[in-house]
N, C-alpha and C. Protein backbone atom coordinates (compact mmCIF):
# COMPACT_ATOMS: atom_id res chain seq x y z
N MET A 1 0.93 -1.04 -0.30
CA MET A 1 -0.16 -0.24 0.11
C MET A 1 0.98 1.21 0.16
N GLY A 2 0.55 2.17 -0.67
CA GLY A 2 1.39 3.35 -0.76
C GLY A 2 1.02 4.65 -1.53
N ILE A 3 1.23 5.25 -1.79
CA ILE A 3 0.77 6.89 -2.57
C ILE A 3 1.32 6.12 -4.07
N ASP A 4 0.42 6.57 -4.85
CA ASP A 4 0.76 6.26 -6.30
C ASP A 4 1.13 7.47 -6.80
N VAL A 5 2.39 8.04 -6.97
CA VAL A 5 3.22 9.21 -7.34
C VAL A 5 2.70 9.31 -8.99
N ASN A 6 2.35 8.57 -9.74
CA ASN A 6 2.17 8.60 -11.21
C ASN A 6 0.34 8.64 -11.10
N GLY A 7 -0.21 8.71 -10.28
CA GLY A 7 -1.68 8.86 -10.42
C GLY A 7 -2.10 10.05 -10.80
N PRO A 8 -3.54 10.33 -10.79
CA PRO A 8 -4.01 11.43 -11.61
C PRO A 8 -3.72 12.84 -10.30
N ARG A 9 -3.47 14.10 -11.05
CA ARG A 9 -3.28 14.94 -10.11
C ARG A 9 -4.14 15.97 -10.05
N SER A 10 -4.32 16.35 -8.74
CA SER A 10 -5.51 17.57 -8.61
C SER A 10 -4.40 18.83 -8.09
N SER A 11 -5.18 19.97 -8.02
CA SER A 11 -4.60 21.06 -7.29
C SER A 11 -4.85 21.29 -5.96
N ILE A 12 -3.55 22.13 -5.46
CA ILE A 12 -3.78 22.33 -3.72
C ILE A 12 -3.65 23.91 -3.93
N THR A 13 -3.95 24.70 -3.14
CA THR A 13 -3.56 26.13 -2.61
C THR A 13 -3.01 26.09 -1.42
N VAL A 14 -1.83 25.91 -1.09
CA VAL A 14 -1.33 26.36 0.17
C VAL A 14 -0.82 28.17 0.50
N GLN A 15 -0.50 28.35 1.58
CA GLN A 15 -0.02 29.90 1.98
C GLN A 15 1.21 29.41 2.60
N LEU A 16 2.65 29.47 2.21
CA LEU A 16 3.99 29.53 2.70
C LEU A 16 4.69 30.67 2.34
N PRO A 17 5.64 30.88 3.55
CA PRO A 17 6.56 32.10 3.63
C PRO A 17 6.94 32.28 2.14
N SER A 18 7.26 33.18 1.49
CA SER A 18 7.80 33.86 0.72
C SER A 18 9.02 33.70 0.16
N GLU A 19 9.92 33.40 1.77
CA GLU A 19 11.10 32.79 1.35
C GLU A 19 11.23 31.45 1.61
N LEU A 20 10.44 30.75 1.73
CA LEU A 20 10.14 29.40 1.90
C LEU A 20 9.97 28.83 0.20
N ILE A 21 9.18 30.03 -0.66
CA ILE A 21 8.66 29.34 -1.68
C ILE A 21 10.06 29.88 -2.76
N GLU A 22 10.80 30.72 -2.29
CA GLU A 22 11.82 31.19 -3.10
C GLU A 22 13.11 29.95 -3.19
N GLU A 23 13.19 29.46 -1.95
CA GLU A 23 13.80 28.49 -1.77
C GLU A 23 13.45 27.26 -2.48
N ILE A 24 12.14 26.97 -2.36
CA ILE A 24 11.41 25.96 -3.20
C ILE A 24 12.28 25.95 -4.60
N HIS A 25 12.01 27.15 -5.45
CA HIS A 25 12.01 27.47 -6.59
C HIS A 25 13.59 27.47 -7.11
N ALA A 26 14.17 27.64 -6.19
CA ALA A 26 15.82 27.68 -6.14
C ALA A 26 16.17 26.24 -6.35
N LEU A 27 15.64 25.37 -5.12
CA LEU A 27 16.01 24.06 -5.26
C LEU A 27 15.39 23.08 -6.74
N ALA A 28 14.31 23.60 -7.27
CA ALA A 28 13.76 23.29 -8.17
C ALA A 28 14.59 23.20 -9.63
N ARG A 29 15.22 24.60 -9.38
CA ARG A 29 16.21 25.05 -10.65
C ARG A 29 17.49 24.35 -10.63
N GLU A 30 17.80 24.22 -9.52
CA GLU A 30 19.20 23.33 -9.16
C GLU A 30 19.17 22.16 -9.50
N LYS A 31 18.17 21.23 -9.31
CA LYS A 31 17.80 20.06 -9.56
C LYS A 31 17.32 19.61 -10.79
N HIS A 32 16.89 20.76 -11.48
CA HIS A 32 16.42 20.48 -12.80
C HIS A 32 14.66 19.78 -12.71
N VAL A 33 14.14 20.07 -11.81
CA VAL A 33 12.73 19.31 -11.84
C VAL A 33 11.87 20.44 -11.71
N PRO A 34 10.55 19.79 -11.90
CA PRO A 34 9.55 20.76 -11.41
C PRO A 34 9.33 21.36 -10.15
N VAL A 35 9.19 22.37 -10.19
CA VAL A 35 8.69 22.56 -8.38
C VAL A 35 7.68 21.76 -7.91
N ASP A 36 6.76 21.15 -8.42
CA ASP A 36 5.70 20.03 -8.13
C ASP A 36 6.32 19.12 -7.51
N ASP A 37 7.61 18.65 -8.26
CA ASP A 37 8.27 17.38 -7.67
C ASP A 37 8.76 17.80 -6.77
N VAL A 38 9.49 18.86 -6.22
CA VAL A 38 10.18 19.23 -4.93
C VAL A 38 8.92 19.26 -3.87
N VAL A 39 7.72 19.77 -4.19
CA VAL A 39 7.08 19.59 -2.92
C VAL A 39 6.12 18.53 -2.88
N MET A 40 5.92 17.62 -3.77
CA MET A 40 5.90 16.30 -3.65
C MET A 40 6.90 15.48 -2.87
N GLU A 41 7.95 15.56 -3.21
CA GLU A 41 9.10 14.60 -2.68
C GLU A 41 9.07 14.98 -1.04
N ALA A 42 8.80 16.49 -0.67
CA ALA A 42 8.90 17.03 0.40
C ALA A 42 7.62 16.21 1.15
N CYS A 43 6.29 16.30 0.87
CA CYS A 43 5.11 15.91 1.48
C CYS A 43 5.50 14.75 1.76
N LEU A 44 5.97 13.61 0.82
CA LEU A 44 5.79 12.17 0.96
C LEU A 44 6.70 12.00 1.91
N GLU A 45 8.07 12.56 2.21
CA GLU A 45 8.75 12.12 3.00
C GLU A 45 8.47 12.67 4.68
N TYR A 46 7.64 13.55 4.68
CA TYR A 46 6.92 14.12 5.93
C TYR A 46 5.91 12.82 6.21
N THR A 47 5.16 12.62 5.27
CA THR A 47 3.87 11.87 5.17
C THR A 47 4.43 10.03 5.51
N GLU A 48 5.34 9.79 5.10
CA GLU A 48 5.20 8.48 4.92
C GLU A 48 5.56 7.37 6.24
N PRO A 49 6.33 7.97 7.73
CA PRO A 49 6.24 7.47 8.53
C PRO A 49 4.77 7.32 9.29
N TYR A 50 4.06 8.15 8.87
CA TYR A 50 2.55 8.09 9.59
C TYR A 50 1.74 6.99 8.77
N PHE A 51 2.02 6.57 7.30
CA PHE A 51 1.41 5.48 6.55
C PHE A 51 1.71 4.44 6.97
N TRP A 52 3.36 4.29 7.11
CA TRP A 52 3.80 3.02 8.00
C TRP A 52 3.34 2.62 9.09
N GLU A 53 2.79 3.90 9.91
CA GLU A 53 2.55 3.38 11.31
C GLU A 53 1.18 2.84 11.12
N ARG A 54 0.64 3.44 10.45
CA ARG A 54 -1.27 3.46 10.42
C ARG A 54 -1.00 1.68 9.76
N ASP A 55 -0.20 1.53 8.98
CA ASP A 55 -0.50 -0.12 8.35
C ASP A 55 0.01 -0.64 9.14
N PHE A 56 1.12 -0.50 9.67
CA PHE A 56 1.30 -1.36 10.98
C PHE A 56 0.56 -1.87 12.00
N LYS A 57 -0.17 -0.77 12.61
CA LYS A 57 -1.56 -0.61 13.41
C LYS A 57 -2.58 -1.70 12.92
N GLU A 58 -2.87 -1.45 11.52
CA GLU A 58 -4.26 -2.12 10.93
C GLU A 58 -3.59 -4.03 11.02
N TRP A 59 -2.20 -4.09 10.49
CA TRP A 59 -1.42 -5.53 10.69
C TRP A 59 -1.92 -6.06 11.76
N ARG A 60 -1.26 -4.94 12.72
CA ARG A 60 -1.33 -5.72 14.45
C ARG A 60 -2.91 -6.01 14.68
N LYS A 61 -3.93 -5.47 14.05
CA LYS A 61 -5.16 -5.83 14.56
C LYS A 61 -5.40 -7.05 13.75
N GLU A 62 -4.81 -7.28 12.40
CA GLU A 62 -5.74 -8.38 11.63
C GLU A 62 -4.41 -9.41 12.20
N ASN A 63 -3.30 -9.17 12.88
CA ASN A 63 -2.35 -10.39 13.18
C ASN A 63 -2.40 -10.04 14.76
N PRO A 64 -2.98 -10.27 15.74
CA PRO A 64 -2.87 -10.42 16.90
C PRO A 64 -1.78 -11.03 17.42
N ASN A 65 -1.80 -12.17 17.14
CA ASN A 65 -0.87 -13.13 17.82
C ASN A 65 0.40 -13.11 17.11
N ALA A 66 1.29 -12.40 15.94
CA ALA A 66 2.23 -12.37 15.46
C ALA A 66 3.42 -12.15 16.39
N PRO A 67 4.48 -12.67 16.28
CA PRO A 67 5.49 -11.94 17.43
C PRO A 67 6.01 -10.88 16.63
N LEU A 68 6.19 -9.78 17.46
CA LEU A 68 6.58 -8.71 17.31
C LEU A 68 8.19 -8.76 16.84
N HIS A 69 8.56 -7.92 15.84
CA HIS A 69 9.83 -7.92 15.47
C HIS A 69 10.40 -6.60 14.88
N GLU A 70 11.31 -5.94 15.31
CA GLU A 70 11.60 -4.74 14.87
C GLU A 70 12.95 -4.98 13.63
N PHE A 71 13.25 -4.20 12.77
CA PHE A 71 14.08 -4.17 11.66
C PHE A 71 15.01 -2.80 11.67
N GLY A 72 16.13 -3.10 11.65
CA GLY A 72 16.67 -1.77 11.16
C GLY A 72 16.76 -1.52 9.72
N ILE A 73 17.33 -0.29 9.33
CA ILE A 73 17.45 0.45 8.27
C ILE A 73 17.63 -0.52 7.21
N ASP A 74 18.90 -1.35 7.70
CA ASP A 74 19.65 -2.39 6.52
C ASP A 74 18.99 -3.58 6.51
N GLY A 75 17.90 -3.74 7.01
CA GLY A 75 17.03 -5.05 7.17
C GLY A 75 17.01 -6.26 8.28
N ASP A 76 18.15 -5.84 9.19
CA ASP A 76 18.77 -6.86 10.38
C ASP A 76 17.89 -6.56 11.32
N GLU A 77 17.43 -7.87 12.11
CA GLU A 77 16.54 -7.67 12.83
C GLU A 77 16.86 -6.80 14.14
N ILE A 78 16.49 -6.01 14.79
CA ILE A 78 16.82 -5.65 16.00
C ILE A 78 16.28 -6.35 17.28
N LEU A 79 16.93 -6.59 17.78
CA LEU A 79 16.53 -7.82 18.99
C LEU A 79 16.29 -6.87 20.23
N PRO A 80 15.27 -7.22 21.37
CA PRO A 80 15.17 -6.51 22.33
C PRO A 80 16.37 -6.14 23.11
N SER A 81 16.27 -4.81 23.55
CA SER A 81 17.32 -5.10 24.53
C SER A 81 17.07 -5.43 26.03
N GLY A 82 18.27 -5.71 26.65
CA GLY A 82 18.06 -6.82 27.71
C GLY A 82 19.44 -7.28 28.11
N PRO A 83 19.74 -7.73 29.12
CA PRO A 83 20.78 -8.09 30.07
C PRO A 83 21.73 -9.03 28.85
N THR A 84 22.63 -8.71 28.60
CA THR A 84 23.87 -9.51 27.85
C THR A 84 24.29 -10.60 28.40
N LYS A 85 24.60 -11.88 28.05
CA LYS A 85 25.70 -12.86 28.55
C LYS A 85 27.27 -12.39 28.09
N ASP A 86 28.01 -12.26 29.04
CA ASP A 86 29.31 -11.81 28.63
C ASP A 86 30.18 -13.03 29.01
């Protein structure tokens, strides 16, 4: 599940500080991409953790007995912290 970045687009009007708008335009020029792409990427970066959290909560409701595991950014499992044996 996720956002279809190639799906149909619609307009939205937001009020941003003029200095921020200038920075967005400068970044778009620097990266040679449309301003819309810069704004969309920023929005996706901000909202993605919320989508993951919501999806995980839904998954937990559907799979209440599944063992909990956490994985690091590299995909390795993060073990629960606790006393270590030396």
